[in-house]
Amino acid sequence: MPEANQYLFPHKELLEMMIKKAGVHEGRWIVMANLGFSPGNFGPSPDQMSPGAAMAILQMGIQRAPPEVPPEMIVDAAVVNPAPKKEKI
């Protein structure tokens, strides 16, 4: 069987992984991204230049969900990463 060279994740699965990595155990969260934007002139040749822009994803992260966000975009940290139970002494 060939070796996999690509893995794809839907946004909710990425959100769950980031919640777990951050050690978050409560709250409703959404995916966020910090973007970089740079204008320039682009084209296949100098006589076909057009104004344009390039955008880069600089960072990805999680953010508490404001009330207006649709529930399909939200992950509850208490469900996907519950706090560890404390041992009784």
N, C-alpha and C. Protein backbone atom coordinates (compact mmCIF):
# COMPACT_ATOMS: atom_id res chain seq x y z
N MET A 1 0.84 -1.17 0.00
CA MET A 1 0.00 0.00 0.00
C MET A 1 0.90 1.24 0.00
N PRO A 2 0.58 2.27 -0.82
CA PRO A 2 1.44 3.45 -0.87
C PRO A 2 1.39 4.25 0.43
N GLU A 3 2.48 4.93 0.70
CA GLU A 3 2.56 5.78 1.90
C GLU A 3 1.75 7.05 1.69
N ALA A 4 1.00 7.46 2.71
CA ALA A 4 0.21 8.69 2.61
C ALA A 4 1.13 9.89 2.60
N ASN A 5 0.84 10.86 1.73
CA ASN A 5 1.64 12.07 1.69
C ASN A 5 0.79 13.32 1.90
N GLN A 6 -0.46 13.11 2.31
CA GLN A 6 -1.35 14.23 2.53
C GLN A 6 -2.44 13.84 3.53
N TYR A 7 -2.70 14.71 4.49
CA TYR A 7 -3.77 14.50 5.45
C TYR A 7 -4.61 15.77 5.48
N LEU A 8 -5.91 15.64 5.41
CA LEU A 8 -6.82 16.78 5.44
C LEU A 8 -7.70 16.71 6.67
N PHE A 9 -7.97 17.88 7.27
CA PHE A 9 -8.79 17.95 8.47
C PHE A 9 -9.85 19.04 8.30
N PRO A 10 -11.10 18.74 8.62
CA PRO A 10 -12.12 19.79 8.62
C PRO A 10 -11.85 20.77 9.76
N HIS A 11 -12.41 21.98 9.66
CA HIS A 11 -12.10 23.02 10.64
C HIS A 11 -12.45 22.61 12.07
N LYS A 12 -13.52 21.86 12.27
CA LYS A 12 -13.89 21.46 13.64
C LYS A 12 -12.86 20.50 14.23
N GLU A 13 -12.31 19.64 13.42
CA GLU A 13 -11.29 18.72 13.92
C GLU A 13 -10.00 19.48 14.27
N LEU A 14 -9.63 20.46 13.46
CA LEU A 14 -8.48 21.31 13.79
C LEU A 14 -8.72 22.05 15.10
N LEU A 15 -9.94 22.55 15.25
CA LEU A 15 -10.31 23.27 16.47
C LEU A 15 -10.19 22.36 17.69
N GLU A 16 -10.66 21.13 17.59
CA GLU A 16 -10.54 20.18 18.69
C GLU A 16 -9.08 19.92 19.04
N MET A 17 -8.22 19.75 18.03
CA MET A 17 -6.80 19.51 18.27
C MET A 17 -6.15 20.70 18.97
N MET A 18 -6.50 21.92 18.55
CA MET A 18 -5.91 23.11 19.17
C MET A 18 -6.40 23.29 20.60
N ILE A 19 -7.67 22.97 20.87
CA ILE A 19 -8.21 23.05 22.23
C ILE A 19 -7.44 22.10 23.14
N LYS A 20 -7.21 20.88 22.68
CA LYS A 20 -6.47 19.90 23.47
C LYS A 20 -5.02 20.32 23.68
N LYS A 21 -4.38 20.82 22.63
CA LYS A 21 -2.97 21.26 22.71
C LYS A 21 -2.82 22.42 23.69
N ALA A 22 -3.81 23.32 23.71
CA ALA A 22 -3.76 24.48 24.61
C ALA A 22 -4.15 24.12 26.04
N GLY A 23 -4.68 22.92 26.26
CA GLY A 23 -5.08 22.50 27.60
C GLY A 23 -6.34 23.22 28.10
N VAL A 24 -7.21 23.58 27.17
CA VAL A 24 -8.44 24.29 27.52
C VAL A 24 -9.52 23.27 27.86
N HIS A 25 -10.23 23.47 28.98
CA HIS A 25 -11.23 22.51 29.42
C HIS A 25 -12.64 23.10 29.53
N GLU A 26 -12.79 24.37 29.22
CA GLU A 26 -14.13 24.96 29.30
C GLU A 26 -14.28 26.07 28.27
N GLY A 27 -15.49 26.37 27.95
CA GLY A 27 -15.79 27.46 27.03
C GLY A 27 -16.13 26.96 25.63
N ARG A 28 -16.75 27.86 24.87
CA ARG A 28 -17.11 27.59 23.48
C ARG A 28 -16.13 28.35 22.60
N TRP A 29 -15.52 27.65 21.64
CA TRP A 29 -14.40 28.20 20.89
C TRP A 29 -14.61 28.10 19.38
N ILE A 30 -13.96 29.02 18.65
CA ILE A 30 -13.95 29.01 17.18
C ILE A 30 -12.50 29.12 16.71
N VAL A 31 -12.28 28.77 15.44
CA VAL A 31 -10.95 28.91 14.82
C VAL A 31 -10.75 30.38 14.45
N MET A 32 -9.53 30.87 14.64
CA MET A 32 -9.18 32.22 14.22
C MET A 32 -7.87 32.17 13.43
N ALA A 33 -7.63 33.19 12.62
CA ALA A 33 -6.39 33.27 11.86
C ALA A 33 -5.92 34.72 11.82
N ASN A 34 -4.61 34.92 11.96
CA ASN A 34 -3.99 36.22 11.72
C ASN A 34 -3.46 36.19 10.30
N LEU A 35 -3.85 37.18 9.52
CA LEU A 35 -3.50 37.21 8.12
C LEU A 35 -2.53 38.35 7.82
N GLY A 36 -1.63 38.12 6.88
CA GLY A 36 -0.75 39.16 6.35
C GLY A 36 -1.20 39.49 4.95
N PHE A 37 -1.12 40.76 4.59
CA PHE A 37 -1.63 41.22 3.29
C PHE A 37 -0.57 42.12 2.67
N SER A 38 -0.26 41.89 1.39
CA SER A 38 0.75 42.70 0.72
C SER A 38 0.29 43.02 -0.69
N PRO A 39 0.15 44.32 -1.01
CA PRO A 39 -0.23 44.69 -2.37
C PRO A 39 0.97 44.62 -3.31
N GLY A 40 0.70 44.52 -4.60
CA GLY A 40 1.77 44.49 -5.58
C GLY A 40 1.22 44.46 -6.98
N ASN A 41 2.12 44.41 -7.93
CA ASN A 41 1.74 44.27 -9.34
C ASN A 41 2.11 42.87 -9.78
N PHE A 42 1.15 42.19 -10.40
CA PHE A 42 1.33 40.79 -10.75
C PHE A 42 0.95 40.56 -12.21
N GLY A 43 1.63 39.63 -12.85
CA GLY A 43 1.29 39.25 -14.22
C GLY A 43 2.33 38.32 -14.79
N PRO A 44 1.97 37.63 -15.86
CA PRO A 44 2.91 36.69 -16.47
C PRO A 44 4.05 37.37 -17.21
N SER A 45 3.87 38.65 -17.58
CA SER A 45 4.92 39.39 -18.26
C SER A 45 4.75 40.88 -17.92
N PRO A 46 5.79 41.70 -18.11
CA PRO A 46 5.68 43.11 -17.75
C PRO A 46 4.53 43.85 -18.45
N ASP A 47 4.20 43.49 -19.68
CA ASP A 47 3.12 44.20 -20.38
C ASP A 47 1.72 43.69 -19.98
N GLN A 48 1.66 42.66 -19.13
CA GLN A 48 0.37 42.14 -18.66
C GLN A 48 0.21 42.30 -17.14
N MET A 49 0.94 43.26 -16.57
CA MET A 49 0.85 43.49 -15.12
C MET A 49 -0.50 44.06 -14.74
N SER A 50 -0.98 43.63 -13.57
CA SER A 50 -2.23 44.15 -13.00
C SER A 50 -2.01 44.33 -11.50
N PRO A 51 -2.70 45.33 -10.92
CA PRO A 51 -2.60 45.47 -9.46
C PRO A 51 -3.25 44.26 -8.80
N GLY A 52 -2.69 43.85 -7.69
CA GLY A 52 -3.24 42.70 -6.97
C GLY A 52 -2.72 42.67 -5.55
N ALA A 53 -2.95 41.58 -4.90
CA ALA A 53 -2.51 41.42 -3.52
C ALA A 53 -2.21 39.96 -3.24
N ALA A 54 -1.32 39.76 -2.29
CA ALA A 54 -1.01 38.42 -1.79
C ALA A 54 -1.39 38.37 -0.32
N MET A 55 -1.97 37.27 0.07
CA MET A 55 -2.36 37.10 1.46
C MET A 55 -1.68 35.85 2.01
N ALA A 56 -1.20 35.94 3.25
CA ALA A 56 -0.56 34.80 3.91
C ALA A 56 -1.24 34.56 5.25
N ILE A 57 -1.37 33.30 5.61
CA ILE A 57 -1.85 32.95 6.95
C ILE A 57 -0.62 32.95 7.85
N LEU A 58 -0.57 33.91 8.77
CA LEU A 58 0.59 34.05 9.64
C LEU A 58 0.50 33.16 10.87
N GLN A 59 -0.70 33.05 11.44
CA GLN A 59 -0.91 32.21 12.63
C GLN A 59 -2.34 31.70 12.63
N MET A 60 -2.53 30.53 13.22
CA MET A 60 -3.86 29.97 13.44
C MET A 60 -4.02 29.82 14.94
N GLY A 61 -5.25 29.94 15.41
CA GLY A 61 -5.47 29.81 16.83
C GLY A 61 -6.94 29.58 17.15
N ILE A 62 -7.27 29.71 18.44
CA ILE A 62 -8.65 29.57 18.89
C ILE A 62 -9.06 30.86 19.60
N GLN A 63 -10.34 31.12 19.56
CA GLN A 63 -10.90 32.32 20.19
C GLN A 63 -12.24 31.97 20.77
N ARG A 64 -12.56 32.55 21.94
CA ARG A 64 -13.89 32.32 22.53
C ARG A 64 -14.94 32.78 21.54
N ALA A 65 -15.97 31.99 21.41
CA ALA A 65 -17.02 32.29 20.43
C ALA A 65 -17.97 33.37 20.94
N PRO A 66 -18.14 34.45 20.17
CA PRO A 66 -19.16 35.43 20.55
C PRO A 66 -20.55 34.87 20.28
N PRO A 67 -21.58 35.45 20.88
CA PRO A 67 -22.94 34.89 20.78
C PRO A 67 -23.48 34.77 19.35
N GLU A 68 -23.04 35.64 18.43
CA GLU A 68 -23.62 35.63 17.09
C GLU A 68 -23.05 34.56 16.14
N VAL A 69 -22.06 33.80 16.59
CA VAL A 69 -21.46 32.77 15.73
C VAL A 69 -22.40 31.56 15.63
N PRO A 70 -22.62 31.05 14.41
CA PRO A 70 -23.48 29.88 14.25
C PRO A 70 -22.93 28.67 15.00
N PRO A 71 -23.80 27.86 15.59
CA PRO A 71 -23.34 26.71 16.38
C PRO A 71 -22.51 25.71 15.58
N GLU A 72 -22.67 25.68 14.27
CA GLU A 72 -21.90 24.74 13.43
C GLU A 72 -20.41 25.09 13.41
N MET A 73 -20.06 26.30 13.82
CA MET A 73 -18.67 26.74 13.81
C MET A 73 -17.98 26.58 15.16
N ILE A 74 -18.75 26.19 16.19
CA ILE A 74 -18.27 26.20 17.57
C ILE A 74 -17.97 24.80 18.09
N VAL A 75 -16.94 24.70 18.92
CA VAL A 75 -16.63 23.47 19.64
C VAL A 75 -16.60 23.79 21.13
N ASP A 76 -17.27 22.97 21.92
CA ASP A 76 -17.31 23.13 23.37
C ASP A 76 -16.14 22.36 23.98
N ALA A 77 -15.22 23.08 24.62
CA ALA A 77 -14.03 22.44 25.19
C ALA A 77 -14.38 21.44 26.28
N ALA A 78 -15.46 21.68 27.03
CA ALA A 78 -15.84 20.76 28.10
C ALA A 78 -16.26 19.40 27.54
N VAL A 79 -16.70 19.38 26.29
CA VAL A 79 -17.12 18.12 25.65
C VAL A 79 -15.93 17.41 25.03
N VAL A 80 -15.08 18.13 24.27
CA VAL A 80 -13.98 17.48 23.55
C VAL A 80 -12.72 17.30 24.39
N ASN A 81 -12.59 18.08 25.47
CA ASN A 81 -11.39 17.98 26.32
C ASN A 81 -11.78 18.22 27.78
N PRO A 82 -12.58 17.31 28.37
CA PRO A 82 -13.02 17.52 29.75
C PRO A 82 -11.85 17.59 30.72
N ALA A 83 -12.03 18.36 31.78
CA ALA A 83 -11.01 18.47 32.81
C ALA A 83 -10.79 17.12 33.48
N PRO A 84 -9.56 16.81 33.84
CA PRO A 84 -9.33 15.54 34.54
C PRO A 84 -10.07 15.51 35.87
N LYS A 85 -10.57 14.33 36.21
CA LYS A 85 -11.28 14.19 37.48
C LYS A 85 -10.28 14.18 38.62
N LYS A 86 -10.61 14.90 39.68
CA LYS A 86 -9.73 14.93 40.85
C LYS A 86 -9.94 13.68 41.67
N GLU A 87 -8.81 13.12 42.13
CA GLU A 87 -8.89 11.90 42.94
C GLU A 87 -9.36 12.23 44.35
N LYS A 88 -10.22 11.37 44.89
CA LYS A 88 -10.65 11.54 46.27
C LYS A 88 -9.60 10.97 47.19
N ILE A 89 -9.35 11.65 48.27
CA ILE A 89 -8.32 11.20 49.22
C ILE A 89 -8.96 10.43 50.36
